[in-house]
PDB file of N, CA and C in Angstrom:
ATOM      1  N   MET A   1     104.702 111.244 107.353  1.00  0.00           N
ATOM      2  CA  MET A   1     106.105 111.509 107.207  1.00  0.00           C
ATOM      3  C   MET A   1     106.531 112.164 108.473  1.00  0.00           C
ATOM      4  N   LEU A   2     105.761 113.143 109.017  1.00  0.00           N
ATOM      5  CA  LEU A   2     106.164 113.771 110.259  1.00  0.00           C
ATOM      6  C   LEU A   2     106.323 112.819 111.355  1.00  0.00           C
ATOM      7  N   ALA A   3     105.332 111.932 111.442  1.00  0.00           N
ATOM      8  CA  ALA A   3     105.402 111.101 112.615  1.00  0.00           C
ATOM      9  C   ALA A   3     106.465 110.175 112.445  1.00  0.00           C
ATOM     10  N   GLU A   4     107.069 109.713 111.162  1.00  0.00           N
ATOM     11  CA  GLU A   4     108.107 108.963 111.092  1.00  0.00           C
ATOM     12  C   GLU A   4     109.359 109.586 111.445  1.00  0.00           C
ATOM     13  N   LEU A   5     109.360 110.884 111.065  1.00  0.00           N
ATOM     14  CA  LEU A   5     110.660 111.613 111.408  1.00  0.00           C
ATOM     15  C   LEU A   5     110.758 111.790 112.960  1.00  0.00           C
ATOM     16  N   ALA A   6     109.638 112.034 113.571  1.00  0.00           N
ATOM     17  CA  ALA A   6     109.727 112.282 114.956  1.00  0.00           C
ATOM     18  C   ALA A   6     110.202 110.971 115.706  1.00  0.00           C
ATOM     19  N   GLU A   7     109.797 109.834 115.161  1.00  0.00           N
ATOM     20  CA  GLU A   7     110.202 108.566 115.812  1.00  0.00           C
ATOM     21  C   GLU A   7     111.559 108.008 115.189  1.00  0.00           C
ATOM     22  N   ASN A   8     111.948 108.613 114.114  1.00  0.00           N
ATOM     23  CA  ASN A   8     113.220 108.289 113.403  1.00  0.00           C
ATOM     24  C   ASN A   8     113.004 106.801 112.896  1.00  0.00           C
ATOM     25  N   ARG A   9     111.858 106.395 112.412  1.00  0.00           N
ATOM     26  CA  ARG A   9     111.615 105.041 111.975  1.00  0.00           C
ATOM     27  C   ARG A   9     110.693 105.333 110.690  1.00  0.00           C
ATOM     28  N   ASP A  10     111.180 104.543 109.576  1.00  0.00           N
ATOM     29  CA  ASP A  10     110.176 104.589 108.399  1.00  0.00           C
ATOM     30  C   ASP A  10     109.050 103.695 108.477  1.00  0.00           C
ATOM     31  N   TYR A  11     108.182 103.523 107.448  1.00  0.00           N
ATOM     32  CA  TYR A  11     107.139 102.671 107.523  1.00  0.00           C
ATOM     33  C   TYR A  11     107.343 101.177 107.547  1.00  0.00           C
ATOM     34  N   ARG A  12     108.600 100.873 107.235  1.00  0.00           N
ATOM     35  CA  ARG A  12     109.151  99.434 107.385  1.00  0.00           C
ATOM     36  C   ARG A  12     109.791  99.176 108.710  1.00  0.00           C
ATOM     37  N   ASP A  13     109.747 100.277 109.631  1.00  0.00           N
ATOM     38  CA  ASP A  13     110.295 100.128 110.904  1.00  0.00           C
ATOM     39  C   ASP A  13     111.756 100.373 110.943  1.00  0.00           C
ATOM     40  N   LYS A  14     112.371 100.780 109.828  1.00  0.00           N
ATOM     41  CA  LYS A  14     113.761 100.901 109.803  1.00  0.00           C
ATOM     42  C   LYS A  14     114.163 102.325 110.249  1.00  0.00           C
ATOM     43  N   PRO A  15     115.435 102.550 110.877  1.00  0.00           N
ATOM     44  CA  PRO A  15     115.775 103.867 111.268  1.00  0.00           C
ATOM     45  C   PRO A  15     115.992 104.789 109.950  1.00  0.00           C
ATOM     46  N   ILE A  16     115.488 105.966 110.103  1.00  0.00           N
ATOM     47  CA  ILE A  16     115.758 107.026 108.879  1.00  0.00           C
ATOM     48  C   ILE A  16     117.151 107.454 108.919  1.00  0.00           C
ATOM     49  N   VAL A  17     117.567 107.763 109.998  1.00  0.00           N
ATOM     50  CA  VAL A  17     118.844 108.422 110.262  1.00  0.00           C
ATOM     51  C   VAL A  17     119.605 107.608 111.252  1.00  0.00           C
ATOM     52  N   ASN A  18     120.802 107.194 111.006  1.00  0.00           N
ATOM     53  CA  ASN A  18     121.716 106.468 112.183  1.00  0.00           C
ATOM     54  C   ASN A  18     122.263 107.599 112.808  1.00  0.00           C
ATOM     55  N   THR A  19     121.886 107.517 114.125  1.00  0.00           N
ATOM     56  CA  THR A  19     122.164 108.670 115.049  1.00  0.00           C
ATOM     57  C   THR A  19     123.618 108.466 115.610  1.00  0.00           C
ATOM     58  N   HIS A  20     124.333 107.478 115.173  1.00  0.00           N
ATOM     59  CA  HIS A  20     125.749 107.212 115.531  1.00  0.00           C
ATOM     60  C   HIS A  20     126.622 107.916 114.414  1.00  0.00           C
ATOM     61  N   HIS A  21     126.057 108.259 113.343  1.00  0.00           N
ATOM     62  CA  HIS A  21     126.945 108.858 112.230  1.00  0.00           C
ATOM     63  C   HIS A  21     127.174 110.499 112.608  1.00  0.00           C
ATOM     64  N   HIS A  22     128.026 111.002 112.025  1.00  0.00           N
ATOM     65  CA  HIS A  22     128.389 112.442 112.209  1.00  0.00           C
ATOM     66  C   HIS A  22     127.282 113.127 111.613  1.00  0.00           C
ATOM     67  N   TRP A  23     127.011 114.418 111.822  1.00  0.00           N
ATOM     68  CA  TRP A  23     125.957 115.265 111.143  1.00  0.00           C
ATOM     69  C   TRP A  23     125.943 115.360 109.691  1.00  0.00           C
ATOM     70  N   PRO A  24     127.031 115.493 109.012  1.00  0.00           N
ATOM     71  CA  PRO A  24     126.955 115.477 107.574  1.00  0.00           C
ATOM     72  C   PRO A  24     126.299 114.245 106.944  1.00  0.00           C
ATOM     73  N   LYS A  25     126.603 113.065 107.547  1.00  0.00           N
ATOM     74  CA  LYS A  25     126.094 111.854 106.863  1.00  0.00           C
ATOM     75  C   LYS A  25     124.710 111.704 107.406  1.00  0.00           C
ATOM     76  N   GLU A  26     124.286 112.211 108.694  1.00  0.00           N
ATOM     77  CA  GLU A  26     122.787 112.122 109.053  1.00  0.00           C
ATOM     78  C   GLU A  26     122.200 113.075 108.144  1.00  0.00           C
ATOM     79  N   LEU A  27     122.553 114.125 107.760  1.00  0.00           N
ATOM     80  CA  LEU A  27     121.845 115.076 106.799  1.00  0.00           C
ATOM     81  C   LEU A  27     121.600 114.459 105.483  1.00  0.00           C
ATOM     82  N   LYS A  28     122.682 113.858 104.891  1.00  0.00           N
ATOM     83  CA  LYS A  28     122.559 113.029 103.756  1.00  0.00           C
ATOM     84  C   LYS A  28     121.450 112.038 103.909  1.00  0.00           C
ATOM     85  N   GLU A  29     121.323 111.144 105.113  1.00  0.00           N
ATOM     86  CA  GLU A  29     120.374 110.105 105.127  1.00  0.00           C
ATOM     87  C   GLU A  29     119.144 110.718 105.259  1.00  0.00           C
ATOM     88  N   LEU A  30     118.922 111.937 105.917  1.00  0.00           N
ATOM     89  CA  LEU A  30     117.728 112.545 105.960  1.00  0.00           C
ATOM     90  C   LEU A  30     117.146 112.829 104.672  1.00  0.00           C
ATOM     91  N   GLY A  31     118.135 113.505 103.912  1.00  0.00           N
ATOM     92  CA  GLY A  31     117.758 114.089 102.589  1.00  0.00           C
ATOM     93  C   GLY A  31     117.249 112.859 101.659  1.00  0.00           C
ATOM     94  N   ALA A  32     117.916 111.846 101.719  1.00  0.00           N
ATOM     95  CA  ALA A  32     117.476 110.462 100.906  1.00  0.00           C
ATOM     96  C   ALA A  32     116.234 110.044 101.358  1.00  0.00           C
ATOM     97  N   TYR A  33     115.804 110.158 102.689  1.00  0.00           N
ATOM     98  CA  TYR A  33     114.557 109.720 103.073  1.00  0.00           C
ATOM     99  C   TYR A  33     113.448 110.570 102.506  1.00  0.00           C
ATOM    100  N   ILE A  34     113.740 111.977 102.554  1.00  0.00           N
ATOM    101  CA  ILE A  34     112.742 112.907 102.269  1.00  0.00           C
ATOM    102  C   ILE A  34     112.433 112.704 100.541  1.00  0.00           C
ATOM    103  N   ALA A  35     113.657 112.694  99.914  1.00  0.00           N
ATOM    104  CA  ALA A  35     113.488 112.369  98.523  1.00  0.00           C
ATOM    105  C   ALA A  35     112.767 111.078  98.149  1.00  0.00           C
ATOM    106  N   GLN A  36     112.798 109.993  98.913  1.00  0.00           N
ATOM    107  CA  GLN A  36     112.076 108.813  98.694  1.00  0.00           C
ATOM    108  C   GLN A  36     110.664 109.048  98.931  1.00  0.00           C
ATOM    109  N   GLN A  37     110.307 109.974  99.792  1.00  0.00           N
ATOM    110  CA  GLN A  37     108.925 110.079  99.985  1.00  0.00           C
ATOM    111  C   GLN A  37     108.022 110.505  98.713  1.00  0.00           C
ATOM    112  N   PHE A  38     108.975 111.329  97.785  1.00  0.00           N
ATOM    113  CA  PHE A  38     108.385 111.676  96.656  1.00  0.00           C
ATOM    114  C   PHE A  38     108.172 110.693  95.465  1.00  0.00           C
ATOM    115  N   GLU A  39     108.993 109.538  95.711  1.00  0.00           N
ATOM    116  CA  GLU A  39     108.929 108.482  94.745  1.00  0.00           C
ATOM    117  C   GLU A  39     107.697 107.713  94.782  1.00  0.00           C
ATOM    118  N   PRO A  40     107.050 107.454  93.711  1.00  0.00           N
ATOM    119  CA  PRO A  40     105.820 106.670  93.786  1.00  0.00           C
ATOM    120  C   PRO A  40     106.032 105.307  94.249  1.00  0.00           C
ATOM    121  N   LEU A  41     105.144 104.742  95.176  1.00  0.00           N
ATOM    122  CA  LEU A  41     105.236 103.411  95.768  1.00  0.00           C
ATOM    123  C   LEU A  41     105.364 102.326  94.828  1.00  0.00           C
ATOM    124  N   TRP A  42     104.663 102.428  93.595  1.00  0.00           N
ATOM    125  CA  TRP A  42     104.821 101.285  92.454  1.00  0.00           C
ATOM    126  C   TRP A  42     106.059 101.281  92.026  1.00  0.00           C
ATOM    127  N   LEU A  43     107.029 102.457  91.848  1.00  0.00           N
ATOM    128  CA  LEU A  43     108.294 102.496  91.513  1.00  0.00           C
ATOM    129  C   LEU A  43     109.119 101.624  92.339  1.00  0.00           C
ATOM    130  N   GLU A  44     109.010 101.877  93.649  1.00  0.00           N
ATOM    131  CA  GLU A  44     109.865 101.154  94.665  1.00  0.00           C
ATOM    132  C   GLU A  44     109.542  99.676  94.563  1.00  0.00           C
ATOM    133  N   GLN A  45     108.318  99.337  94.431  1.00  0.00           N
ATOM    134  CA  GLN A  45     107.826  97.910  94.475  1.00  0.00           C
ATOM    135  C   GLN A  45     108.334  97.315  93.126  1.00  0.00           C
ATOM    136  N   MET A  46     108.314  98.026  92.023  1.00  0.00           N
ATOM    137  CA  MET A  46     108.813  97.379  90.755  1.00  0.00           C
ATOM    138  C   MET A  46     110.262  97.240  90.899  1.00  0.00           C
ATOM    139  N   THR A  47     111.089  98.124  91.398  1.00  0.00           N
ATOM    140  CA  THR A  47     112.459  97.941  91.591  1.00  0.00           C
ATOM    141  C   THR A  47     112.860  96.771  92.454  1.00  0.00           C
ATOM    142  N   GLN A  48     112.084  96.536  93.620  1.00  0.00           N
ATOM    143  CA  GLN A  48     112.423  95.612  94.499  1.00  0.00           C
ATOM    144  C   GLN A  48     112.039  94.250  93.839  1.00  0.00           C
ATOM    145  N   LYS A  49     110.867  94.188  93.108  1.00  0.00           N
ATOM    146  CA  LYS A  49     110.388  92.916  92.484  1.00  0.00           C
ATOM    147  C   LYS A  49     111.374  92.496  91.400  1.00  0.00           C
ATOM    148  N   HIS A  50     111.908  93.459  90.613  1.00  0.00           N
ATOM    149  CA  HIS A  50     112.781  93.078  89.669  1.00  0.00           C
ATOM    150  C   HIS A  50     114.483  92.987  89.941  1.00  0.00           C
ATOM    151  N   GLN A  51     114.615  93.181  90.999  1.00  0.00           N
ATOM    152  CA  GLN A  51     115.905  93.279  91.629  1.00  0.00           C
ATOM    153  C   GLN A  51     116.887  92.136  91.055  1.00  0.00           C
ATOM    154  N   HIS A  52     116.449  90.922  91.139  1.00  0.00           N
ATOM    155  CA  HIS A  52     117.301  89.730  90.815  1.00  0.00           C
ATOM    156  C   HIS A  52     116.977  89.215  89.377  1.00  0.00           C
ATOM    157  N   ARG A  53     116.339  90.065  88.588  1.00  0.00           N
ATOM    158  CA  ARG A  53     115.980  89.374  87.253  1.00  0.00           C
ATOM    159  C   ARG A  53     117.122  90.106  86.255  1.00  0.00           C
ATOM    160  N   SER A  54     116.970  89.415  85.033  1.00  0.00           N
ATOM    161  CA  SER A  54     118.069  89.831  84.050  1.00  0.00           C
ATOM    162  C   SER A  54     117.449  91.152  83.366  1.00  0.00           C
ATOM    163  N   VAL A  55     118.257  91.849  82.598  1.00  0.00           N
ATOM    164  CA  VAL A  55     117.923  93.090  82.035  1.00  0.00           C
ATOM    165  C   VAL A  55     116.858  92.719  81.087  1.00  0.00           C
ATOM    166  N   GLU A  56     116.834  91.610  80.226  1.00  0.00           N
ATOM    167  CA  GLU A  56     115.723  91.217  79.366  1.00  0.00           C
ATOM    168  C   GLU A  56     114.468  91.132  80.094  1.00  0.00           C
ATOM    169  N   ASP A  57     114.513  90.420  81.149  1.00  0.00           N
ATOM    170  CA  ASP A  57     113.274  90.194  82.110  1.00  0.00           C
ATOM    171  C   ASP A  57     112.647  91.342  82.630  1.00  0.00           C
ATOM    172  N   LYS A  58     113.564  92.467  82.881  1.00  0.00           N
ATOM    173  CA  LYS A  58     113.084  93.754  83.284  1.00  0.00           C
ATOM    174  C   LYS A  58     112.504  94.596  82.271  1.00  0.00           C
ATOM    175  N   LEU A  59     113.051  94.587  81.064  1.00  0.00           N
ATOM    176  CA  LEU A  59     112.700  95.556  80.052  1.00  0.00           C
ATOM    177  C   LEU A  59     111.623  95.062  79.030  1.00  0.00           C
ATOM    178  N   LEU A  60     111.796  93.709  78.627  1.00  0.00           N
ATOM    179  CA  LEU A  60     110.832  93.293  77.698  1.00  0.00           C
ATOM    180  C   LEU A  60     109.295  93.338  78.072  1.00  0.00           C
ATOM    181  N   PRO A  61     108.844  93.168  79.291  1.00  0.00           N
ATOM    182  CA  PRO A  61     107.614  93.311  79.699  1.00  0.00           C
ATOM    183  C   PRO A  61     107.056  94.744  79.546  1.00  0.00           C
ATOM    184  N   GLU A  62     107.861  95.751  79.792  1.00  0.00           N
ATOM    185  CA  GLU A  62     107.638  97.062  79.422  1.00  0.00           C
ATOM    186  C   GLU A  62     107.071  97.321  77.980  1.00  0.00           C
ATOM    187  N   PHE A  63     107.431  96.488  77.020  1.00  0.00           N
ATOM    188  CA  PHE A  63     107.081  96.598  75.586  1.00  0.00           C
ATOM    189  C   PHE A  63     106.095  95.588  75.327  1.00  0.00           C
ATOM    190  N   GLY A  64     105.434  94.803  76.391  1.00  0.00           N
ATOM    191  CA  GLY A  64     104.437  93.827  76.133  1.00  0.00           C
ATOM    192  C   GLY A  64     104.962  92.601  75.773  1.00  0.00           C
ATOM    193  N   ILE A  65     106.153  92.255  75.916  1.00  0.00           N
ATOM    194  CA  ILE A  65     106.832  90.915  75.626  1.00  0.00           C
ATOM    195  C   ILE A  65     106.916  90.155  77.022  1.00  0.00           C
ATOM    196  N   THR A  66     106.411  88.988  77.001  1.00  0.00           N
ATOM    197  CA  THR A  66     106.589  88.143  78.230  1.00  0.00           C
ATOM    198  C   THR A  66     107.105  86.957  77.805  1.00  0.00           C
ATOM    199  N   ARG A  67     107.650  86.205  78.670  1.00  0.00           N
ATOM    200  CA  ARG A  67     108.084  84.852  78.603  1.00  0.00           C
ATOM    201  C   ARG A  67     106.928  83.774  78.467  1.00  0.00           C
ATOM    202  N   ALA A  68     107.149  82.739  77.648  1.00  0.00           N
ATOM    203  CA  ALA A  68     106.161  81.785  77.589  1.00  0.00           C
ATOM    204  C   ALA A  68     106.095  80.927  78.821  1.00  0.00           C
ATOM    205  N   PRO A  69     104.858  80.423  79.159  1.00  0.00           N
ATOM    206  CA  PRO A  69     104.740  79.433  80.347  1.00  0.00           C
ATOM    207  C   PRO A  69     105.770  78.467  80.414  1.00  0.00           C
ATOM    208  N   LYS A  70     106.227  77.866  81.490  1.00  0.00           N
ATOM    209  CA  LYS A  70     107.127  76.921  81.531  1.00  0.00           C
ATOM    210  C   LYS A  70     106.815  75.622  80.868  1.00  0.00           C
ATOM    211  N   ALA A  71     105.464  75.390  80.851  1.00  0.00           N
ATOM    212  CA  ALA A  71     104.848  74.298  80.225  1.00  0.00           C
ATOM    213  C   ALA A  71     105.015  74.183  78.646  1.00  0.00           C
ATOM    214  N   LEU A  72     105.320  75.406  78.138  1.00  0.00           N
ATOM    215  CA  LEU A  72     105.583  75.518  76.703  1.00  0.00           C
ATOM    216  C   LEU A  72     107.083  75.617  76.253  1.00  0.00           C
ATOM    217  N   ASP A  73     107.849  75.708  77.293  1.00  0.00           N
ATOM    218  CA  ASP A  73     109.254  75.779  77.172  1.00  0.00           C
ATOM    219  C   ASP A  73     109.779  74.480  76.739  1.00  0.00           C
ATOM    220  N   LYS A  74     110.501  74.384  75.634  1.00  0.00           N
ATOM    221  CA  LYS A  74     111.111  73.045  75.264  1.00  0.00           C
ATOM    222  C   LYS A  74     112.059  72.582  76.067  1.00  0.00           C
ATOM    223  N   HIS A  75     112.850  73.676  76.784  1.00  0.00           N
ATOM    224  CA  HIS A  75     113.939  72.988  77.666  1.00  0.00           C
ATOM    225  C   HIS A  75     113.486  72.633  79.024  1.00  0.00           C
ATOM    226  N   HIS A  76     112.135  72.730  79.350  1.00  0.00           N
ATOM    227  CA  HIS A  76     111.599  72.396  80.640  1.00  0.00           C
ATOM    228  C   HIS A  76     111.281  70.978  80.644  1.00  0.00           C
ATOM    229  N   HIS A  77     111.773  70.217  81.594  1.00  0.00           N
ATOM    230  CA  HIS A  77     111.389  68.735  81.554  1.00  0.00           C
ATOM    231  C   HIS A  77     110.469  68.385  82.708  1.00  0.00           C
TER     232      HIS A  77
END
């Protein structure tokens, strides 16, 4: 984390702080970066993976309910 801060680049090689912003916004960006460091990686990956899915597709697997394979879907041709 310290090396990323020193270079102002995160692990995805994106800027941590936009140096063209005024200092209050830079401080907010820095705070968001630091807070993100304490977020588990699996949570970030799950959020990205499910970003374009419906609410049902996001929540039902959490309760062990998954969609049937397309081969069993009566609407699949």
